Amino acid sequence: MAIYVKLDEVLKKSGVSSKMLCEKIGITEANLSILRSGKAKAVRFSTLNKICFYLKCEPNDILGFDGEIDFEE
């Protein structure tokens, strides 16, 4: 996959639990789990903004790019 998620690392560094983050940003734990696992096909900018705000990080702290193109079937 061309885009990968590094949210677990940021959560550990920040000391914020996934449950606490869900409450603050207003999404379900199931949806956050999908994002954390890298199985999400999209993320809203508004959600990314809230994650970055509460974790005091930048989008590139959460998302990475491996240099490859991902062709969806």
Protein backbone atom coordinates (compact mmCIF):
# COMPACT_ATOMS: atom_id res chain seq x y z
CA MET A 1 0.00 0.00 0.00
CA ALA A 2 1.38 3.40 -0.96
CA ILE A 3 -0.05 5.28 2.03
CA TYR A 4 0.45 3.80 5.48
CA VAL A 5 -0.79 4.82 8.93
CA LYS A 6 1.52 5.51 11.87
CA LEU A 7 -1.21 6.50 14.33
CA ASP A 8 -0.30 3.85 16.92
CA GLU A 9 3.18 5.35 17.27
CA VAL A 10 1.78 8.84 17.80
CA LEU A 11 -0.78 7.60 20.33
CA LYS A 12 1.97 5.87 22.34
CA LYS A 13 4.21 8.96 22.30
CA SER A 14 1.37 11.25 23.32
CA GLY A 15 0.09 9.02 26.11
CA VAL A 16 -3.48 9.36 24.80
CA SER A 17 -5.60 6.22 24.67
CA SER A 18 -7.54 5.39 21.55
CA LYS A 19 -10.76 5.51 23.59
CA MET A 20 -9.95 9.01 24.82
CA LEU A 21 -9.09 10.17 21.29
CA CYS A 22 -12.39 8.80 19.96
CA GLU A 23 -14.32 10.75 22.57
CA LYS A 24 -12.47 13.97 21.75
CA ILE A 25 -12.77 13.74 17.95
CA GLY A 26 -16.25 12.25 17.83
CA ILE A 27 -15.74 8.94 16.02
CA THR A 28 -16.41 5.39 17.10
CA GLU A 29 -13.68 3.09 18.34
CA ALA A 30 -14.51 0.79 15.42
CA ASN A 31 -13.82 3.56 12.91
CA LEU A 32 -10.57 4.51 14.64
CA SER A 33 -9.56 0.85 14.60
CA ILE A 34 -10.11 0.72 10.83
CA LEU A 35 -7.93 3.80 10.43
CA ARG A 36 -5.21 2.46 12.75
CA SER A 37 -5.08 -0.86 10.91
CA GLY A 38 -4.55 0.85 7.56
CA LYS A 39 -7.76 -0.62 6.15
CA ALA A 40 -9.48 2.76 5.75
CA LYS A 41 -9.91 3.84 2.13
CA ALA A 42 -10.24 7.51 3.07
CA VAL A 43 -10.06 9.91 5.99
CA ARG A 44 -11.86 13.24 6.17
CA PHE A 45 -9.66 16.31 6.51
CA SER A 46 -11.85 17.41 9.41
CA THR A 47 -11.09 14.13 11.22
CA LEU A 48 -7.38 14.41 10.43
CA ASN A 49 -7.44 17.98 11.71
CA LYS A 50 -8.98 16.92 15.02
CA ILE A 51 -6.53 14.05 15.42
CA CYS A 52 -3.59 16.38 14.84
CA PHE A 53 -5.03 18.99 17.20
CA TYR A 54 -5.56 16.62 20.11
CA LEU A 55 -2.32 14.68 19.60
CA LYS A 56 -0.35 17.89 18.93
CA CYS A 57 1.18 16.50 15.75
CA GLU A 58 1.35 17.02 12.01
CA PRO A 59 -0.42 14.92 9.34
CA ASN A 60 2.93 13.46 8.26
CA ASP A 61 3.37 12.13 11.81
CA ILE A 62 0.26 10.01 11.24
CA LEU A 63 0.43 9.18 7.54
CA GLY A 64 3.41 8.00 5.51
CA PHE A 65 4.11 7.31 1.84
CA ASP A 66 6.25 4.39 0.66
CA GLY A 67 7.01 5.84 -2.78
CA GLU A 68 4.84 3.38 -4.67
CA ILE A 69 1.55 3.85 -6.47
CA ASP A 70 -1.45 1.90 -5.22
CA PHE A 71 -3.68 0.67 -8.03
CA GLU A 72 -7.13 -0.13 -6.69
CA GLU A 73 -9.01 -2.94 -8.37
